[in-house]
Every structure is written in C-alpha cells, then in structure tokens.
N, C-alpha and C. Protein backbone atom coordinates (compact mmCIF):
# COMPACT_ATOMS: atom_id res chain seq x y z
N MET A 1 13.39 -38.55 0.18
CA MET A 1 13.00 -37.27 0.46
C MET A 1 14.16 -36.52 1.56
N LYS A 2 14.35 -35.63 1.75
CA LYS A 2 15.15 -34.77 2.40
C LYS A 2 14.66 -34.45 3.75
N ASP A 3 15.66 -34.61 4.89
CA ASP A 3 15.25 -34.35 6.20
C ASP A 3 15.25 -33.10 6.25
N PHE A 4 14.89 -32.32 7.71
CA PHE A 4 14.61 -31.10 7.85
C PHE A 4 15.88 -30.29 7.73
N GLN A 5 17.07 -30.84 8.06
CA GLN A 5 18.20 -30.24 7.86
C GLN A 5 18.58 -29.72 6.60
N ALA A 6 18.19 -30.73 5.48
CA ALA A 6 18.51 -30.17 4.26
C ALA A 6 17.55 -29.38 3.63
N ILE A 7 16.28 -29.30 4.15
CA ILE A 7 15.31 -28.39 3.83
C ILE A 7 15.75 -27.01 4.17
N ILE A 8 16.31 -26.83 5.39
CA ILE A 8 16.71 -25.62 6.14
C ILE A 8 17.76 -25.04 4.95
N LYS A 9 18.69 -25.79 4.64
CA LYS A 9 19.75 -25.31 3.68
C LYS A 9 19.19 -24.83 2.61
N GLU A 10 18.07 -25.61 2.02
CA GLU A 10 17.45 -24.98 0.86
C GLU A 10 16.67 -23.65 0.84
N LEU A 11 16.10 -23.61 2.11
CA LEU A 11 15.48 -22.26 2.26
C LEU A 11 16.27 -21.13 2.45
N LYS A 12 17.46 -21.55 3.30
CA LYS A 12 18.63 -20.47 3.27
C LYS A 12 19.05 -20.01 2.01
N ALA A 13 19.16 -20.99 1.38
CA ALA A 13 19.87 -20.69 -0.09
C ALA A 13 18.67 -19.81 -0.83
N TYR A 14 17.44 -19.97 -0.66
CA TYR A 14 16.31 -19.19 -1.23
C TYR A 14 16.38 -17.83 -0.68
N LEU A 15 16.49 -17.75 0.61
CA LEU A 15 16.44 -16.43 1.17
C LEU A 15 17.71 -15.69 0.81
N PHE A 16 18.94 -16.34 0.84
CA PHE A 16 20.16 -15.91 0.35
C PHE A 16 19.80 -15.03 -0.87
N LYS A 17 19.23 -15.46 -1.93
CA LYS A 17 19.01 -15.04 -3.35
C LYS A 17 18.36 -13.66 -3.16
N GLU A 18 17.48 -13.45 -2.12
CA GLU A 18 16.76 -12.44 -2.05
C GLU A 18 17.43 -11.19 -1.21
N LYS A 19 18.00 -11.68 0.09
CA LYS A 19 18.82 -10.74 0.75
C LYS A 19 20.11 -10.51 0.37
N LYS A 20 20.73 -11.14 -0.12
CA LYS A 20 22.10 -11.08 -0.52
C LYS A 20 22.96 -10.91 0.92
N SER A 21 22.51 -11.56 2.03
CA SER A 21 23.54 -11.47 3.06
C SER A 21 23.22 -12.79 3.71
N LYS A 22 23.99 -12.76 4.62
CA LYS A 22 23.98 -14.10 5.73
C LYS A 22 22.81 -14.40 6.21
N VAL A 23 22.34 -15.51 6.12
CA VAL A 23 20.70 -15.95 6.59
C VAL A 23 21.08 -16.78 7.89
N LEU A 24 20.15 -16.27 8.84
CA LEU A 24 20.30 -17.33 9.93
C LEU A 24 19.26 -18.03 10.29
N ASP A 25 18.99 -18.82 11.14
CA ASP A 25 17.94 -19.69 11.34
C ASP A 25 16.74 -18.98 11.61
N LYS A 26 16.91 -17.89 12.60
CA LYS A 26 15.70 -17.04 12.72
C LYS A 26 15.08 -16.43 11.66
N ASP A 27 15.90 -16.33 10.49
CA ASP A 27 15.25 -15.83 9.16
C ASP A 27 14.46 -17.03 8.70
N VAL A 28 14.90 -18.24 8.75
CA VAL A 28 14.07 -19.31 8.20
C VAL A 28 12.78 -19.53 9.08
N ALA A 29 12.94 -19.29 10.30
CA ALA A 29 11.67 -19.21 11.35
C ALA A 29 10.80 -18.43 10.93
N ILE A 30 11.30 -17.15 10.64
CA ILE A 30 10.32 -16.03 10.30
C ILE A 30 9.63 -16.40 9.11
N LEU A 31 10.50 -16.98 7.95
CA LEU A 31 10.21 -17.11 6.76
C LEU A 31 8.85 -18.32 6.85
N LEU A 32 9.02 -19.41 7.68
CA LEU A 32 7.94 -20.44 7.73
C LEU A 32 6.95 -20.02 8.87
N ASP A 33 6.95 -18.71 9.45
CA ASP A 33 6.08 -18.20 10.49
C ASP A 33 5.82 -19.21 11.49
N ILE A 34 7.12 -19.23 12.04
CA ILE A 34 7.22 -20.39 13.28
C ILE A 34 7.92 -19.66 14.34
N ASN A 35 7.78 -19.83 15.38
CA ASN A 35 8.33 -19.00 16.57
C ASN A 35 9.94 -19.65 16.80
N GLN A 36 10.68 -18.77 17.13
CA GLN A 36 12.01 -19.26 17.20
C GLN A 36 12.34 -20.30 18.08
N ALA A 37 11.64 -20.44 19.33
CA ALA A 37 11.81 -21.35 20.18
C ALA A 37 11.42 -22.88 19.72
N ARG A 38 10.20 -22.79 18.88
CA ARG A 38 9.83 -24.05 18.42
C ARG A 38 10.74 -24.49 17.27
N PHE A 39 11.13 -23.32 16.38
CA PHE A 39 12.07 -23.72 15.45
C PHE A 39 13.48 -24.52 15.96
N ALA A 40 13.73 -23.92 17.04
CA ALA A 40 15.08 -24.57 17.57
C ALA A 40 14.76 -26.06 18.15
N THR A 41 13.72 -26.09 18.51
CA THR A 41 13.29 -27.47 19.04
C THR A 41 13.13 -28.47 18.11
N ILE A 42 12.47 -28.14 17.15
CA ILE A 42 12.33 -29.13 15.93
C ILE A 42 13.40 -29.10 14.94
N LYS A 43 14.51 -28.23 14.90
CA LYS A 43 15.64 -28.32 14.30
C LYS A 43 16.51 -29.41 14.96
N LYS A 44 16.47 -29.37 16.42
CA LYS A 44 17.28 -30.23 17.46
C LYS A 44 16.86 -31.75 17.10
N ARG A 45 15.49 -31.72 16.97
CA ARG A 45 14.81 -33.24 16.87
C ARG A 45 14.74 -33.55 15.54
N ASN A 46 15.27 -32.72 14.42
CA ASN A 46 15.07 -32.99 13.20
C ASN A 46 13.78 -33.60 12.47
N VAL A 47 12.68 -32.65 13.13
CA VAL A 47 11.33 -32.93 12.78
C VAL A 47 10.95 -32.24 11.63
N THR A 48 10.51 -32.52 10.54
CA THR A 48 9.85 -31.75 9.58
C THR A 48 8.50 -31.08 9.84
N PRO A 49 8.35 -29.83 9.79
CA PRO A 49 7.14 -29.27 10.06
C PRO A 49 6.19 -28.93 8.45
N TYR A 50 5.99 -30.19 8.26
CA TYR A 50 5.23 -30.04 6.88
C TYR A 50 4.43 -29.01 6.51
N GLU A 51 3.41 -28.78 7.63
CA GLU A 51 2.20 -27.81 7.11
C GLU A 51 2.79 -26.62 7.01
N ASP A 52 3.70 -26.25 7.90
CA ASP A 52 4.54 -24.61 7.77
C ASP A 52 5.12 -24.57 6.49
N ILE A 53 5.59 -25.57 6.22
CA ILE A 53 6.42 -25.60 4.80
C ILE A 53 5.76 -25.46 3.70
N LEU A 54 4.55 -26.37 3.71
CA LEU A 54 3.58 -26.41 2.54
C LEU A 54 2.96 -25.17 2.38
N LEU A 55 2.37 -24.50 3.60
CA LEU A 55 1.86 -23.24 3.54
C LEU A 55 2.96 -22.02 3.02
N PHE A 56 4.14 -22.38 3.26
CA PHE A 56 5.05 -21.16 2.73
C PHE A 56 5.21 -21.44 1.24
N CYS A 57 5.22 -22.64 0.78
CA CYS A 57 5.44 -22.91 -0.74
C CYS A 57 3.97 -22.39 -1.15
N GLU A 58 3.02 -22.56 -0.60
CA GLU A 58 1.72 -22.26 -1.41
C GLU A 58 1.80 -20.47 -1.79
N LYS A 59 2.00 -19.87 -0.41
CA LYS A 59 2.18 -18.51 -0.57
C LYS A 59 3.16 -18.06 -1.59
N GLU A 60 4.37 -18.66 -1.57
CA GLU A 60 5.52 -18.25 -2.59
C GLU A 60 5.42 -18.85 -3.76
N HIS A 61 4.27 -19.69 -4.25
CA HIS A 61 4.16 -20.36 -5.48
C HIS A 61 5.57 -20.99 -5.88
N MET A 62 5.96 -21.68 -4.83
CA MET A 62 7.13 -22.68 -5.04
C MET A 62 6.73 -24.09 -4.99
N ASP A 63 7.30 -25.14 -5.80
CA ASP A 63 7.02 -26.27 -6.00
C ASP A 63 7.37 -27.20 -4.75
N ALA A 64 6.61 -27.69 -3.77
CA ALA A 64 6.90 -28.37 -2.69
C ALA A 64 7.61 -29.52 -3.01
N ASN A 65 7.57 -30.26 -4.07
CA ASN A 65 8.08 -31.49 -4.63
C ASN A 65 9.55 -31.04 -4.79
N ALA A 66 10.10 -30.09 -5.39
CA ALA A 66 11.38 -29.58 -5.50
C ALA A 66 12.07 -29.47 -4.15
N LEU A 67 11.43 -28.64 -3.22
CA LEU A 67 11.74 -28.57 -2.01
C LEU A 67 12.14 -29.95 -1.12
N PHE A 68 11.11 -30.49 -1.22
CA PHE A 68 11.42 -31.90 -0.60
C PHE A 68 12.26 -33.12 -1.43
N PHE A 69 12.25 -33.13 -2.65
CA PHE A 69 12.98 -34.02 -3.26
C PHE A 69 14.23 -33.79 -4.16
N LYS A 70 14.12 -32.63 -4.84
CA LYS A 70 14.95 -32.43 -5.78
C LYS A 70 16.30 -31.73 -4.96
N GLN A 71 17.33 -31.80 -5.76
CA GLN A 71 18.66 -31.12 -4.83
C GLN A 71 18.75 -29.85 -4.83
N ASN A 72 18.52 -29.08 -5.72
CA ASN A 72 18.61 -27.66 -5.55
C ASN A 72 16.99 -26.89 -5.96
N ILE A 73 16.56 -26.06 -5.54
CA ILE A 73 15.45 -25.22 -5.88
C ILE A 73 15.70 -24.06 -6.63
C-alpha cells in the first residue's frame, strides 16, 4: 500500500491532466476538501486521510484500489 506522499503524487498527476499547469499542495487539499492547515499537518506526519480520499474517489468515480495500490492511475 502506498503512503500518503505517494498518493499525493498520484493526485497531483490526476489534477495535472485536467489543469495542464503546475499543481500545488493547496490544489490537492481543495480536491480532497481538506483545509490547507490540516493538509500540511497530515502531509508532514505522513498520515493518510482515508475517509477524505475515499469520498473523493466516490465523487470522481475513481477506483480507490488503483489509487492506493497500483503504480499509476
């Protein structure tokens, strides 16, 4: 299973496909509907916010298994 740092990279790649510009941590926080201060804290501690990620996957019809386990989504 990937750690949160790897999941962030996957989410940034996902956002880049849509934005076609540089993707920042604040963009990932917005994507996951997490306040930026909380996002910074969980990123620093490398704690995965499973519920927030699963809600995002459900909303975007994304395969959560691919996000958590496969190399590229």
